[in-house]
Amino acid sequence: MKVVVVPLFIGVFALAASAQEGAPIFEFAGQYQMLRVNSSRDVPAFTVNGGTGSFQIDFFDQVAGVLEVGSGFNNNIGGFKLNNTWLTYLVGPRISLRNRSKRVIPALEFLAGGATLFADTANPVTLANVSGNSTGFAMATGGTLDIRLNHLIAIRPIQLDYLLTRVNNHYNQNNLRYGAGIVFTLGKQ
């Protein structure tokens, strides 16, 4: 059900945007992601490195819808060998603080969706591999800064978000997410 709702939501807004004067602008971004996970009282904080891919539809000059999927990996938490992979999938609005035609474009975003944590380690007694996963709510709020090189390419030196995750459904994890990468634009401004 959730898999159908998100593309349907984006499709409806894309049709509304195409009814406006001019074609909608589509943006595809790929970037490095560093996630500082502040897990709980019992587990020390750790860093996860990976990447993020996003698709953005500009509905109006300063309002866009974003679909973002990110993944990262870490194999050491406080000296304990635990392979863990974080997967986030988020959707929501991004509001540009300047017109999209400008060279430097700061934006604010609020994205919500889910996060899945995949983990595995060797049992210290039997040396058998033990694995599991947990899925829950995720929400990111923060902003981006894009610097346009031309009408097709921009660099994103910073995306900084507070990322709330609740992958075990018992407590909130307050995380910090940093990203940097490149943005490709299709459509007219």
C-alpha atoms as a PDB file:
ATOM      1  CA  MET A   1       0.000   0.000   0.000  1.00  0.00           C
ATOM      2  CA  LYS A   2       2.759   2.481   0.984  1.00  0.00           C
ATOM      3  CA  VAL A   3       4.690   1.711  -2.205  1.00  0.00           C
ATOM      4  CA  VAL A   4       1.694   2.789  -4.305  1.00  0.00           C
ATOM      5  CA  VAL A   5       0.831   5.950  -2.333  1.00  0.00           C
ATOM      6  CA  VAL A   6       4.209   7.720  -2.695  1.00  0.00           C
ATOM      7  CA  PRO A   7       4.465   7.487  -6.525  1.00  0.00           C
ATOM      8  CA  LEU A   8       0.771   8.386  -6.803  1.00  0.00           C
ATOM      9  CA  PHE A   9       1.329  11.448  -4.581  1.00  0.00           C
ATOM     10  CA  ILE A  10       4.309  12.579  -6.684  1.00  0.00           C
ATOM     11  CA  GLY A  11       2.418  11.902  -9.933  1.00  0.00           C
ATOM     12  CA  VAL A  12      -0.550  14.061  -8.916  1.00  0.00           C
ATOM     13  CA  PHE A  13       1.713  16.989  -8.100  1.00  0.00           C
ATOM     14  CA  ALA A  14       3.682  16.495 -11.329  1.00  0.00           C
ATOM     15  CA  LEU A  15       0.447  16.772 -13.333  1.00  0.00           C
ATOM     16  CA  ALA A  16      -0.542  19.892 -11.402  1.00  0.00           C
ATOM     17  CA  ALA A  17       2.869  21.414 -12.049  1.00  0.00           C
ATOM     18  CA  SER A  18       2.755  20.592 -15.765  1.00  0.00           C
ATOM     19  CA  ALA A  19      -0.552  22.478 -16.017  1.00  0.00           C
ATOM     20  CA  GLN A  20       1.383  25.595 -14.987  1.00  0.00           C
ATOM     21  CA  GLU A  21       3.093  27.712 -17.615  1.00  0.00           C
ATOM     22  CA  GLY A  22       6.264  25.899 -18.747  1.00  0.00           C
ATOM     23  CA  ALA A  23       7.420  22.362 -18.039  1.00  0.00           C
ATOM     24  CA  PRO A  24       8.205  21.149 -14.523  1.00  0.00           C
ATOM     25  CA  ILE A  25      11.811  20.861 -13.486  1.00  0.00           C
ATOM     26  CA  PHE A  26      13.089  17.461 -12.431  1.00  0.00           C
ATOM     27  CA  GLU A  27      16.252  17.112 -10.398  1.00  0.00           C
ATOM     28  CA  PHE A  28      18.288  14.002  -9.726  1.00  0.00           C
ATOM     29  CA  ALA A  29      20.975  14.127  -7.028  1.00  0.00           C
ATOM     30  CA  GLY A  30      23.644  11.706  -5.908  1.00  0.00           C
ATOM     31  CA  GLN A  31      25.676  12.419  -2.834  1.00  0.00           C
ATOM     32  CA  TYR A  32      27.920  11.126  -0.087  1.00  0.00           C
ATOM     33  CA  GLN A  33      26.144  10.721   3.251  1.00  0.00           C
ATOM     34  CA  MET A  34      27.618  10.701   6.753  1.00  0.00           C
ATOM     35  CA  LEU A  35      25.198   9.776   9.510  1.00  0.00           C
ATOM     36  CA  ARG A  36      26.118  10.272  13.168  1.00  0.00           C
ATOM     37  CA  VAL A  37      23.882   7.814  15.017  1.00  0.00           C
ATOM     38  CA  ASN A  38      23.074   8.602  18.626  1.00  0.00           C
ATOM     39  CA  SER A  39      21.469   5.310  19.421  1.00  0.00           C
ATOM     40  CA  SER A  40      20.602   5.003  23.088  1.00  0.00           C
ATOM     41  CA  ARG A  41      21.817   5.000  26.655  1.00  0.00           C
ATOM     42  CA  ASP A  42      23.318   1.509  26.308  1.00  0.00           C
ATOM     43  CA  VAL A  43      24.935   1.787  22.869  1.00  0.00           C
ATOM     44  CA  PRO A  44      27.639   4.401  22.207  1.00  0.00           C
ATOM     45  CA  ALA A  45      27.223   6.861  19.328  1.00  0.00           C
ATOM     46  CA  PHE A  46      28.786   5.807  16.024  1.00  0.00           C
ATOM     47  CA  THR A  47      29.217   7.017  12.454  1.00  0.00           C
ATOM     48  CA  VAL A  48      27.697   5.435   9.334  1.00  0.00           C
ATOM     49  CA  ASN A  49      29.083   6.312   5.869  1.00  0.00           C
ATOM     50  CA  GLY A  50      27.261   5.775   2.597  1.00  0.00           C
ATOM     51  CA  GLY A  51      25.290   7.546  -0.100  1.00  0.00           C
ATOM     52  CA  THR A  52      21.960   9.124  -0.927  1.00  0.00           C
ATOM     53  CA  GLY A  53      20.001   9.364  -4.157  1.00  0.00           C
ATOM     54  CA  SER A  54      17.099  11.762  -4.565  1.00  0.00           C
ATOM     55  CA  PHE A  55      14.485  12.734  -7.125  1.00  0.00           C
ATOM     56  CA  GLN A  56      12.905  16.181  -6.942  1.00  0.00           C
ATOM     57  CA  ILE A  57       9.988  17.709  -8.844  1.00  0.00           C
ATOM     58  CA  ASP A  58       9.750  21.497  -8.740  1.00  0.00           C
ATOM     59  CA  PHE A  59       6.012  22.225  -8.621  1.00  0.00           C
ATOM     60  CA  PHE A  60       6.440  25.982  -8.467  1.00  0.00           C
ATOM     61  CA  ASP A  61       9.509  28.210  -8.563  1.00  0.00           C
ATOM     62  CA  GLN A  62      10.290  27.722  -4.879  1.00  0.00           C
ATOM     63  CA  VAL A  63       8.268  24.631  -3.876  1.00  0.00           C
ATOM     64  CA  ALA A  64       9.364  21.079  -4.673  1.00  0.00           C
ATOM     65  CA  GLY A  65       8.541  17.527  -3.708  1.00  0.00           C
ATOM     66  CA  VAL A  66      11.450  15.207  -2.876  1.00  0.00           C
ATOM     67  CA  LEU A  67      11.798  11.429  -2.819  1.00  0.00           C
ATOM     68  CA  GLU A  68      15.066  10.371  -1.204  1.00  0.00           C
ATOM     69  CA  VAL A  69      16.674   6.990  -0.527  1.00  0.00           C
ATOM     70  CA  GLY A  70      19.884   6.677   1.479  1.00  0.00           C
ATOM     71  CA  SER A  71      22.067   3.843   2.678  1.00  0.00           C
ATOM     72  CA  GLY A  72      25.121   3.609   4.905  1.00  0.00           C
ATOM     73  CA  PHE A  73      27.337   0.995   6.546  1.00  0.00           C
ATOM     74  CA  ASN A  74      29.323   0.592   9.773  1.00  0.00           C
ATOM     75  CA  ASN A  75      31.025  -2.503  11.194  1.00  0.00           C
ATOM     76  CA  ASN A  76      32.294  -1.326  14.585  1.00  0.00           C
ATOM     77  CA  ILE A  77      30.202   0.039  17.454  1.00  0.00           C
ATOM     78  CA  GLY A  78      32.234   0.840  20.548  1.00  0.00           C
ATOM     79  CA  GLY A  79      34.861  -1.812  19.710  1.00  0.00           C
ATOM     80  CA  PHE A  80      32.225  -4.498  19.129  1.00  0.00           C
ATOM     81  CA  LYS A  81      32.238  -6.078  15.640  1.00  0.00           C
ATOM     82  CA  LEU A  82      28.675  -5.586  14.413  1.00  0.00           C
ATOM     83  CA  ASN A  83      27.967  -5.127  10.713  1.00  0.00           C
ATOM     84  CA  ASN A  84      25.053  -2.731  10.407  1.00  0.00           C
ATOM     85  CA  THR A  85      23.506  -1.184   7.325  1.00  0.00           C
ATOM     86  CA  TRP A  86      21.064   1.725   7.568  1.00  0.00           C
ATOM     87  CA  LEU A  87      18.477   2.289   4.835  1.00  0.00           C
ATOM     88  CA  THR A  88      16.275   5.408   4.841  1.00  0.00           C
ATOM     89  CA  TYR A  89      13.441   6.217   2.453  1.00  0.00           C
ATOM     90  CA  LEU A  90      11.892   9.659   2.847  1.00  0.00           C
ATOM     91  CA  VAL A  91       9.448  11.920   0.981  1.00  0.00           C
ATOM     92  CA  GLY A  92       8.296  15.495   1.544  1.00  0.00           C
ATOM     93  CA  PRO A  93       8.527  19.159   0.573  1.00  0.00           C
ATOM     94  CA  ARG A  94      11.636  21.249  -0.054  1.00  0.00           C
ATOM     95  CA  ILE A  95      11.182  25.032  -0.022  1.00  0.00           C
ATOM     96  CA  SER A  96      13.821  27.103  -1.839  1.00  0.00           C
ATOM     97  CA  LEU A  97      14.648  30.397  -0.169  1.00  0.00           C
ATOM     98  CA  ARG A  98      15.602  31.943  -3.544  1.00  0.00           C
ATOM     99  CA  ASN A  99      14.288  31.551  -7.077  1.00  0.00           C
ATOM    100  CA  ARG A 100      15.504  28.395  -8.836  1.00  0.00           C
ATOM    101  CA  SER A 101      17.069  30.536 -11.569  1.00  0.00           C
ATOM    102  CA  LYS A 102      19.618  32.035  -9.130  1.00  0.00           C
ATOM    103  CA  ARG A 103      23.178  30.719  -8.878  1.00  0.00           C
ATOM    104  CA  VAL A 104      23.143  29.952  -5.124  1.00  0.00           C
ATOM    105  CA  ILE A 105      19.966  28.277  -3.848  1.00  0.00           C
ATOM    106  CA  PRO A 106      19.496  27.571  -0.125  1.00  0.00           C
ATOM    107  CA  ALA A 107      16.465  25.424   0.746  1.00  0.00           C
ATOM    108  CA  LEU A 108      14.652  24.049   3.787  1.00  0.00           C
ATOM    109  CA  GLU A 109      13.157  20.557   3.836  1.00  0.00           C
ATOM    110  CA  PHE A 110      10.902  18.335   5.895  1.00  0.00           C
ATOM    111  CA  LEU A 111      10.968  14.678   4.875  1.00  0.00           C
ATOM    112  CA  ALA A 112       9.188  11.751   6.520  1.00  0.00           C
ATOM    113  CA  GLY A 113       9.117   8.027   5.856  1.00  0.00           C
ATOM    114  CA  GLY A 114      10.906   5.012   7.216  1.00  0.00           C
ATOM    115  CA  ALA A 115      14.236   3.517   8.154  1.00  0.00           C
ATOM    116  CA  THR A 116      15.417  -0.087   8.216  1.00  0.00           C
ATOM    117  CA  LEU A 117      18.437  -1.329  10.126  1.00  0.00           C
ATOM    118  CA  PHE A 118      20.073  -4.579   8.980  1.00  0.00           C
ATOM    119  CA  ALA A 119      22.625  -6.072  11.391  1.00  0.00           C
ATOM    120  CA  ASP A 120      24.711  -9.228  11.658  1.00  0.00           C
ATOM    121  CA  THR A 121      27.535 -10.499  13.830  1.00  0.00           C
ATOM    122  CA  ALA A 122      29.231 -13.760  14.772  1.00  0.00           C
ATOM    123  CA  ASN A 123      27.981 -15.509  17.921  1.00  0.00           C
ATOM    124  CA  PRO A 124      31.030 -15.529  20.254  1.00  0.00           C
ATOM    125  CA  VAL A 125      30.290 -19.068  21.485  1.00  0.00           C
ATOM    126  CA  THR A 126      29.262 -20.949  18.334  1.00  0.00           C
ATOM    127  CA  LEU A 127      30.857 -18.555  15.790  1.00  0.00           C
ATOM    128  CA  ALA A 128      27.649 -18.880  13.771  1.00  0.00           C
ATOM    129  CA  ASN A 129      26.461 -15.768  11.973  1.00  0.00           C
ATOM    130  CA  VAL A 130      23.481 -14.097  13.693  1.00  0.00           C
ATOM    131  CA  SER A 131      21.475 -11.510  11.771  1.00  0.00           C
ATOM    132  CA  GLY A 132      18.301  -9.480  12.032  1.00  0.00           C
ATOM    133  CA  ASN A 133      16.603  -6.296  10.963  1.00  0.00           C
ATOM    134  CA  SER A 134      14.235  -3.687  12.326  1.00  0.00           C
ATOM    135  CA  THR A 135      12.061  -1.161  10.504  1.00  0.00           C
ATOM    136  CA  GLY A 136      10.411   1.966  11.836  1.00  0.00           C
ATOM    137  CA  PHE A 137       9.635   5.639  11.412  1.00  0.00           C
ATOM    138  CA  ALA A 138      12.155   8.225  10.159  1.00  0.00           C
ATOM    139  CA  MET A 139      11.942  11.989   9.750  1.00  0.00           C
ATOM    140  CA  ALA A 140      14.510  14.498   8.481  1.00  0.00           C
ATOM    141  CA  THR A 141      14.344  18.234   8.895  1.00  0.00           C
ATOM    142  CA  GLY A 142      17.072  20.595   7.773  1.00  0.00           C
ATOM    143  CA  GLY A 143      18.319  22.147   4.594  1.00  0.00           C
ATOM    144  CA  THR A 144      20.443  22.097   1.478  1.00  0.00           C
ATOM    145  CA  LEU A 145      22.652  24.548  -0.384  1.00  0.00           C
ATOM    146  CA  ASP A 146      22.979  24.179  -4.168  1.00  0.00           C
ATOM    147  CA  ILE A 147      25.427  26.128  -6.322  1.00  0.00           C
ATOM    148  CA  ARG A 148      24.476  26.080 -10.018  1.00  0.00           C
ATOM    149  CA  LEU A 149      27.357  25.608 -12.458  1.00  0.00           C
ATOM    150  CA  ASN A 150      25.005  25.898 -15.444  1.00  0.00           C
ATOM    151  CA  HIS A 151      21.345  25.158 -16.201  1.00  0.00           C
ATOM    152  CA  LEU A 152      21.976  21.370 -16.108  1.00  0.00           C
ATOM    153  CA  ILE A 153      24.431  20.805 -13.242  1.00  0.00           C
ATOM    154  CA  ALA A 154      24.751  22.056  -9.675  1.00  0.00           C
ATOM    155  CA  ILE A 155      26.954  21.041  -6.790  1.00  0.00           C
ATOM    156  CA  ARG A 156      25.505  20.539  -3.338  1.00  0.00           C
ATOM    157  CA  PRO A 157      28.330  21.254  -0.870  1.00  0.00           C
ATOM    158  CA  ILE A 158      26.052  20.707   2.101  1.00  0.00           C
ATOM    159  CA  GLN A 159      22.872  18.994   3.112  1.00  0.00           C
ATOM    160  CA  LEU A 160      22.506  19.072   6.876  1.00  0.00           C
ATOM    161  CA  ASP A 161      19.570  17.407   8.614  1.00  0.00           C
ATOM    162  CA  TYR A 162      18.374  16.365  12.012  1.00  0.00           C
ATOM    163  CA  LEU A 163      17.302  12.767  11.377  1.00  0.00           C
ATOM    164  CA  LEU A 164      14.923  11.194  13.867  1.00  0.00           C
ATOM    165  CA  THR A 165      14.707   7.394  13.625  1.00  0.00           C
ATOM    166  CA  ARG A 166      12.688   4.903  15.598  1.00  0.00           C
ATOM    167  CA  VAL A 167      13.848   1.595  14.142  1.00  0.00           C
ATOM    168  CA  ASN A 168      13.137  -0.559  17.164  1.00  0.00           C
ATOM    169  CA  ASN A 169       9.851   1.195  18.087  1.00  0.00           C
ATOM    170  CA  HIS A 170      10.958   1.568  21.716  1.00  0.00           C
ATOM    171  CA  TYR A 171      12.785   4.897  21.739  1.00  0.00           C
ATOM    172  CA  ASN A 172      13.769   7.764  19.479  1.00  0.00           C
ATOM    173  CA  GLN A 173      17.273   8.012  18.047  1.00  0.00           C
ATOM    174  CA  ASN A 174      18.392  11.603  17.491  1.00  0.00           C
ATOM    175  CA  ASN A 175      20.882  11.579  14.619  1.00  0.00           C
ATOM    176  CA  LEU A 176      22.792  14.141  12.572  1.00  0.00           C
ATOM    177  CA  ARG A 177      23.066  13.662   8.809  1.00  0.00           C
ATOM    178  CA  TYR A 178      25.513  15.435   6.488  1.00  0.00           C
ATOM    179  CA  GLY A 179      25.625  15.061   2.711  1.00  0.00           C
ATOM    180  CA  ALA A 180      27.427  16.559  -0.275  1.00  0.00           C
ATOM    181  CA  GLY A 181      27.176  15.735  -3.961  1.00  0.00           C
ATOM    182  CA  ILE A 182      26.014  16.690  -7.424  1.00  0.00           C
ATOM    183  CA  VAL A 183      22.567  17.637  -8.805  1.00  0.00           C
ATOM    184  CA  PHE A 184      21.391  17.161 -12.415  1.00  0.00           C
ATOM    185  CA  THR A 185      18.466  19.258 -13.671  1.00  0.00           C
ATOM    186  CA  LEU A 186      16.007  18.455 -16.500  1.00  0.00           C
ATOM    187  CA  GLY A 187      13.364  20.887 -17.703  1.00  0.00           C
ATOM    188  CA  LYS A 188      13.070  24.636 -18.184  1.00  0.00           C
ATOM    189  CA  GLN A 189      13.413  27.266 -15.501  1.00  0.00           C
END
